[in-house]
Amino acid sequence: MFCPKCRAEFVEEITKCPDCGVDLVEILPPEDEILYEDYVTVYTTSDTGLIAVAESLLKSENIPYAKKSEGLQPVYGIGFVQFQVPPEKKVTAAELLKDLVESGDEITNDEIFDD
């Protein structure tokens, strides 16, 4: 069984998503196509722990995002991951992620707070 909202998978005995509160379905509907070329980069990191935290923070606020990997990050954890969001969510996402910025990590869009 799957949650059509968060897309999590559950055992057959569960009929309602404990996180979203919506009824589960047997087959997930297709995801809406995301036009990643329209997204802007708001955060870059090479720290695998911060990648998970950034994903969690963005999901908690229902901010759609894409991760653009450079190097061997997806396979070996070497290289950088850029978090990209729709332009209308860039200020909110940057505010949400600003506490994650450490040495070598950065909020990457200089114009984020100019709007």
N, C-alpha and C. Protein backbone atom coordinates (compact mmCIF):
# COMPACT_ATOMS: atom_id res chain seq x y z
N MET A 1 0.86 -1.18 0.00
CA MET A 1 0.00 0.00 0.00
C MET A 1 0.90 1.24 0.00
N PHE A 2 0.43 2.28 -0.68
CA PHE A 2 1.22 3.49 -0.83
C PHE A 2 0.40 4.73 -0.44
N CYS A 3 1.11 5.73 0.07
CA CYS A 3 0.47 7.02 0.34
C CYS A 3 0.56 7.86 -0.92
N PRO A 4 -0.57 8.33 -1.46
CA PRO A 4 -0.51 9.13 -2.67
C PRO A 4 0.06 10.53 -2.44
N LYS A 5 0.16 10.95 -1.19
CA LYS A 5 0.68 12.28 -0.90
C LYS A 5 2.19 12.26 -0.70
N CYS A 6 2.69 11.47 0.26
CA CYS A 6 4.13 11.43 0.54
C CYS A 6 4.83 10.30 -0.21
N ARG A 7 4.06 9.40 -0.82
CA ARG A 7 4.53 8.30 -1.64
C ARG A 7 5.28 7.22 -0.85
N ALA A 8 5.08 7.18 0.47
CA ALA A 8 5.70 6.16 1.31
C ALA A 8 4.97 4.83 1.11
N GLU A 9 5.69 3.72 1.33
CA GLU A 9 5.11 2.39 1.18
C GLU A 9 4.85 1.79 2.56
N PHE A 10 3.72 1.09 2.70
CA PHE A 10 3.32 0.49 3.96
C PHE A 10 2.88 -0.95 3.73
N VAL A 11 2.86 -1.72 4.81
CA VAL A 11 2.37 -3.09 4.73
C VAL A 11 0.87 -3.07 4.45
N GLU A 12 0.35 -4.17 3.94
CA GLU A 12 -1.04 -4.24 3.49
C GLU A 12 -2.07 -3.95 4.58
N GLU A 13 -1.72 -4.25 5.84
CA GLU A 13 -2.68 -4.08 6.93
C GLU A 13 -2.97 -2.61 7.25
N ILE A 14 -2.08 -1.73 6.86
CA ILE A 14 -2.26 -0.30 7.13
C ILE A 14 -3.07 0.30 5.99
N THR A 15 -4.10 1.08 6.32
CA THR A 15 -4.96 1.65 5.30
C THR A 15 -4.90 3.17 5.23
N LYS A 16 -4.28 3.79 6.24
CA LYS A 16 -4.18 5.25 6.28
C LYS A 16 -2.74 5.63 6.61
N CYS A 17 -2.21 6.64 5.92
CA CYS A 17 -0.84 7.08 6.16
C CYS A 17 -0.75 7.72 7.55
N PRO A 18 0.14 7.23 8.41
CA PRO A 18 0.26 7.80 9.75
C PRO A 18 0.82 9.22 9.74
N ASP A 19 1.54 9.60 8.69
CA ASP A 19 2.11 10.94 8.61
C ASP A 19 1.15 11.95 7.97
N CYS A 20 0.52 11.53 6.87
CA CYS A 20 -0.32 12.46 6.11
C CYS A 20 -1.81 12.37 6.46
N GLY A 21 -2.23 11.22 7.00
CA GLY A 21 -3.63 11.05 7.35
C GLY A 21 -4.53 10.76 6.17
N VAL A 22 -3.97 10.43 5.01
CA VAL A 22 -4.80 10.14 3.84
C VAL A 22 -4.88 8.63 3.63
N ASP A 23 -5.94 8.19 2.94
CA ASP A 23 -6.12 6.77 2.64
C ASP A 23 -5.04 6.30 1.67
N LEU A 24 -4.53 5.09 1.92
CA LEU A 24 -3.51 4.51 1.07
C LEU A 24 -4.14 3.92 -0.19
N VAL A 25 -3.32 3.80 -1.23
CA VAL A 25 -3.76 3.22 -2.49
C VAL A 25 -2.83 2.04 -2.83
N GLU A 26 -3.32 1.14 -3.68
CA GLU A 26 -2.51 -0.03 -4.05
C GLU A 26 -1.44 0.32 -5.08
N ILE A 27 -1.72 1.28 -5.94
CA ILE A 27 -0.78 1.68 -6.99
C ILE A 27 -0.63 3.20 -6.94
N LEU A 28 0.61 3.65 -6.94
CA LEU A 28 0.85 5.09 -6.93
C LEU A 28 0.51 5.70 -8.27
N PRO A 29 -0.14 6.86 -8.26
CA PRO A 29 -0.35 7.57 -9.52
C PRO A 29 0.99 8.10 -10.02
N PRO A 30 1.13 8.33 -11.33
CA PRO A 30 2.40 8.85 -11.84
C PRO A 30 2.69 10.22 -11.23
N GLU A 31 3.98 10.47 -10.99
CA GLU A 31 4.37 11.77 -10.45
C GLU A 31 4.23 12.82 -11.54
N ASP A 32 3.87 14.03 -11.12
CA ASP A 32 3.84 15.12 -12.08
C ASP A 32 5.25 15.37 -12.58
N GLU A 33 5.36 15.64 -13.85
CA GLU A 33 6.68 15.91 -14.41
C GLU A 33 7.18 17.25 -13.88
N ILE A 34 8.41 17.24 -13.40
CA ILE A 34 9.00 18.46 -12.85
C ILE A 34 9.96 19.02 -13.90
N LEU A 35 9.80 20.28 -14.19
CA LEU A 35 10.70 20.93 -15.14
C LEU A 35 11.88 21.51 -14.37
N TYR A 36 12.89 20.66 -14.17
CA TYR A 36 14.02 21.03 -13.33
C TYR A 36 14.78 22.24 -13.87
N GLU A 37 14.72 22.46 -15.17
CA GLU A 37 15.46 23.58 -15.71
C GLU A 37 14.93 24.92 -15.19
N ASP A 38 13.71 24.93 -14.66
CA ASP A 38 13.13 26.15 -14.11
C ASP A 38 13.52 26.35 -12.64
N TYR A 39 14.13 25.36 -12.02
CA TYR A 39 14.48 25.43 -10.60
C TYR A 39 15.75 26.25 -10.41
N VAL A 40 15.90 26.83 -9.21
CA VAL A 40 17.09 27.59 -8.86
C VAL A 40 17.80 26.90 -7.69
N THR A 41 19.12 26.97 -7.68
CA THR A 41 19.90 26.35 -6.62
C THR A 41 19.90 27.25 -5.40
N VAL A 42 19.57 26.67 -4.24
CA VAL A 42 19.54 27.44 -3.00
C VAL A 42 20.53 26.94 -1.96
N TYR A 43 21.07 25.73 -2.15
CA TYR A 43 21.97 25.18 -1.15
C TYR A 43 22.84 24.12 -1.80
N THR A 44 24.12 24.11 -1.45
CA THR A 44 25.07 23.13 -1.95
C THR A 44 25.85 22.56 -0.78
N THR A 45 26.01 21.24 -0.75
CA THR A 45 26.78 20.60 0.31
C THR A 45 27.39 19.31 -0.20
N SER A 46 28.46 18.90 0.46
CA SER A 46 29.05 17.59 0.18
C SER A 46 28.87 16.65 1.37
N ASP A 47 28.29 17.16 2.44
CA ASP A 47 28.11 16.39 3.67
C ASP A 47 26.86 15.53 3.57
N THR A 48 27.04 14.19 3.58
CA THR A 48 25.89 13.29 3.41
C THR A 48 24.86 13.45 4.53
N GLY A 49 25.30 13.78 5.73
CA GLY A 49 24.36 14.00 6.83
C GLY A 49 23.51 15.24 6.58
N LEU A 50 24.14 16.31 6.09
CA LEU A 50 23.40 17.54 5.82
C LEU A 50 22.46 17.39 4.62
N ILE A 51 22.81 16.51 3.70
CA ILE A 51 21.91 16.24 2.57
C ILE A 51 20.60 15.68 3.11
N ALA A 52 20.68 14.73 4.03
CA ALA A 52 19.47 14.13 4.61
C ALA A 52 18.68 15.16 5.41
N VAL A 53 19.38 16.02 6.15
CA VAL A 53 18.69 17.05 6.95
C VAL A 53 18.00 18.05 6.02
N ALA A 54 18.69 18.47 4.96
CA ALA A 54 18.10 19.43 4.02
C ALA A 54 16.84 18.84 3.38
N GLU A 55 16.91 17.57 2.97
CA GLU A 55 15.73 16.92 2.40
C GLU A 55 14.58 16.91 3.40
N SER A 56 14.87 16.57 4.63
CA SER A 56 13.84 16.50 5.67
C SER A 56 13.21 17.87 5.89
N LEU A 57 14.03 18.91 5.96
CA LEU A 57 13.50 20.27 6.17
C LEU A 57 12.60 20.70 5.02
N LEU A 58 13.04 20.47 3.80
CA LEU A 58 12.24 20.87 2.64
C LEU A 58 10.93 20.09 2.58
N LYS A 59 10.99 18.78 2.87
CA LYS A 59 9.77 17.96 2.87
C LYS A 59 8.81 18.43 3.96
N SER A 60 9.35 18.80 5.12
CA SER A 60 8.48 19.20 6.24
C SER A 60 7.67 20.45 5.91
N GLU A 61 8.18 21.27 5.01
CA GLU A 61 7.47 22.49 4.60
C GLU A 61 6.79 22.33 3.24
N ASN A 62 6.76 21.09 2.73
CA ASN A 62 6.15 20.79 1.43
C ASN A 62 6.72 21.65 0.30
N ILE A 63 8.03 21.86 0.34
CA ILE A 63 8.70 22.61 -0.73
C ILE A 63 9.23 21.60 -1.74
N PRO A 64 8.75 21.66 -2.98
CA PRO A 64 9.27 20.74 -4.00
C PRO A 64 10.74 21.06 -4.26
N TYR A 65 11.53 20.02 -4.48
CA TYR A 65 12.95 20.24 -4.71
C TYR A 65 13.51 19.16 -5.62
N ALA A 66 14.66 19.49 -6.18
CA ALA A 66 15.42 18.52 -6.97
C ALA A 66 16.85 18.55 -6.44
N LYS A 67 17.50 17.39 -6.49
CA LYS A 67 18.91 17.32 -6.09
C LYS A 67 19.74 17.09 -7.35
N LYS A 68 20.67 17.98 -7.57
CA LYS A 68 21.58 17.85 -8.71
C LYS A 68 22.93 17.43 -8.15
N SER A 69 23.38 16.26 -8.52
CA SER A 69 24.63 15.71 -7.99
C SER A 69 25.79 16.00 -8.92
N GLU A 70 26.93 16.27 -8.30
CA GLU A 70 28.16 16.44 -9.05
C GLU A 70 29.17 15.44 -8.53
N GLY A 71 30.03 14.94 -9.39
CA GLY A 71 31.03 13.98 -8.96
C GLY A 71 30.39 12.63 -8.71
N LEU A 72 30.91 11.91 -7.74
CA LEU A 72 30.44 10.57 -7.42
C LEU A 72 29.55 10.56 -6.17
N GLN A 73 28.92 11.68 -5.86
CA GLN A 73 28.10 11.80 -4.65
C GLN A 73 27.05 10.70 -4.55
N PRO A 74 26.29 10.41 -5.59
CA PRO A 74 25.24 9.40 -5.44
C PRO A 74 25.79 8.00 -5.14
N VAL A 75 26.99 7.69 -5.59
CA VAL A 75 27.54 6.35 -5.43
C VAL A 75 28.46 6.25 -4.22
N TYR A 76 29.41 7.18 -4.12
CA TYR A 76 30.44 7.08 -3.09
C TYR A 76 30.41 8.19 -2.05
N GLY A 77 29.50 9.15 -2.19
CA GLY A 77 29.46 10.26 -1.24
C GLY A 77 30.59 11.26 -1.45
N ILE A 78 31.14 11.28 -2.66
CA ILE A 78 32.23 12.22 -2.98
C ILE A 78 31.68 13.22 -3.99
N GLY A 79 31.81 14.48 -3.70
CA GLY A 79 31.32 15.52 -4.59
C GLY A 79 30.21 16.30 -3.91
N PHE A 80 29.55 17.15 -4.66
CA PHE A 80 28.56 18.05 -4.12
C PHE A 80 27.16 17.72 -4.61
N VAL A 81 26.19 18.11 -3.79
CA VAL A 81 24.78 18.03 -4.18
C VAL A 81 24.21 19.43 -4.10
N GLN A 82 23.55 19.84 -5.16
CA GLN A 82 22.86 21.14 -5.17
C GLN A 82 21.37 20.88 -4.95
N PHE A 83 20.80 21.63 -4.02
CA PHE A 83 19.35 21.57 -3.81
C PHE A 83 18.73 22.70 -4.62
N GLN A 84 17.80 22.33 -5.48
CA GLN A 84 17.14 23.29 -6.34
C GLN A 84 15.64 23.29 -6.06
N VAL A 85 15.06 24.48 -6.09
CA VAL A 85 13.64 24.66 -5.80
C VAL A 85 13.02 25.57 -6.85
N PRO A 86 11.68 25.58 -6.96
CA PRO A 86 11.03 26.51 -7.87
C PRO A 86 11.38 27.95 -7.46
N PRO A 87 11.50 28.85 -8.42
CA PRO A 87 11.88 30.24 -8.10
C PRO A 87 11.00 30.89 -7.04
N GLU A 88 9.71 30.58 -7.04
CA GLU A 88 8.81 31.21 -6.06
C GLU A 88 9.02 30.69 -4.65
N LYS A 89 9.78 29.62 -4.49
CA LYS A 89 10.06 29.05 -3.16
C LYS A 89 11.49 29.32 -2.69
N LYS A 90 12.27 30.07 -3.47
CA LYS A 90 13.69 30.21 -3.16
C LYS A 90 13.95 30.93 -1.84
N VAL A 91 13.20 31.97 -1.52
CA VAL A 91 13.43 32.70 -0.27
C VAL A 91 13.07 31.83 0.93
N THR A 92 11.93 31.17 0.85
CA THR A 92 11.50 30.29 1.94
C THR A 92 12.50 29.15 2.15
N ALA A 93 12.93 28.53 1.07
CA ALA A 93 13.87 27.42 1.17
C ALA A 93 15.21 27.88 1.72
N ALA A 94 15.70 29.01 1.26
CA ALA A 94 16.99 29.52 1.74
C ALA A 94 16.92 29.85 3.23
N GLU A 95 15.83 30.43 3.68
CA GLU A 95 15.65 30.72 5.11
C GLU A 95 15.65 29.42 5.90
N LEU A 96 14.98 28.42 5.39
CA LEU A 96 14.87 27.14 6.06
C LEU A 96 16.22 26.43 6.17
N LEU A 97 17.06 26.60 5.17
CA LEU A 97 18.34 25.88 5.11
C LEU A 97 19.53 26.69 5.63
N LYS A 98 19.32 27.94 5.98
CA LYS A 98 20.46 28.80 6.32
C LYS A 98 21.27 28.30 7.51
N ASP A 99 20.65 27.60 8.46
CA ASP A 99 21.38 27.10 9.62
C ASP A 99 22.27 25.90 9.29
N LEU A 100 22.10 25.32 8.11
CA LEU A 100 22.93 24.19 7.71
C LEU A 100 24.27 24.62 7.14
N VAL A 101 24.38 25.89 6.82
CA VAL A 101 25.59 26.37 6.16
C VAL A 101 26.78 26.21 7.09
N GLU A 102 27.76 25.47 6.62
CA GLU A 102 29.00 25.25 7.36
C GLU A 102 30.16 25.60 6.43
N SER A 103 31.33 25.42 6.90
CA SER A 103 32.51 25.64 6.09
C SER A 103 32.42 24.78 4.83
N GLY A 104 32.48 25.42 3.69
CA GLY A 104 32.41 24.68 2.43
C GLY A 104 31.01 24.52 1.89
N ASP A 105 29.99 24.73 2.69
CA ASP A 105 28.62 24.65 2.23
C ASP A 105 28.12 26.08 2.08
N GLU A 106 27.18 26.26 1.20
CA GLU A 106 26.75 27.62 0.99
C GLU A 106 25.33 27.70 0.46
N ILE A 107 24.70 28.83 0.78
CA ILE A 107 23.48 29.22 0.08
C ILE A 107 24.00 29.82 -1.21
N THR A 108 23.59 29.31 -2.35
CA THR A 108 24.32 29.61 -3.58
C THR A 108 23.72 30.71 -4.44
N ASN A 109 22.55 31.15 -4.20
CA ASN A 109 21.95 32.15 -5.05
C ASN A 109 22.08 33.52 -4.38
N ASP A 110 23.00 34.36 -4.87
CA ASP A 110 23.26 35.66 -4.26
C ASP A 110 22.04 36.58 -4.30
N GLU A 111 21.15 36.35 -5.23
CA GLU A 111 19.99 37.24 -5.36
C GLU A 111 18.79 36.79 -4.53
N ILE A 112 18.94 35.74 -3.73
CA ILE A 112 17.79 35.19 -3.00
C ILE A 112 17.08 36.26 -2.19
N PHE A 113 17.82 37.07 -1.48
CA PHE A 113 17.20 38.04 -0.59
C PHE A 113 17.04 39.41 -1.21
N ASP A 114 17.31 39.53 -2.51
CA ASP A 114 17.16 40.82 -3.19
C ASP A 114 15.74 41.06 -3.68
N ASP A 115 14.92 40.01 -3.73
CA ASP A 115 13.55 40.15 -4.26
C ASP A 115 12.66 40.86 -3.28
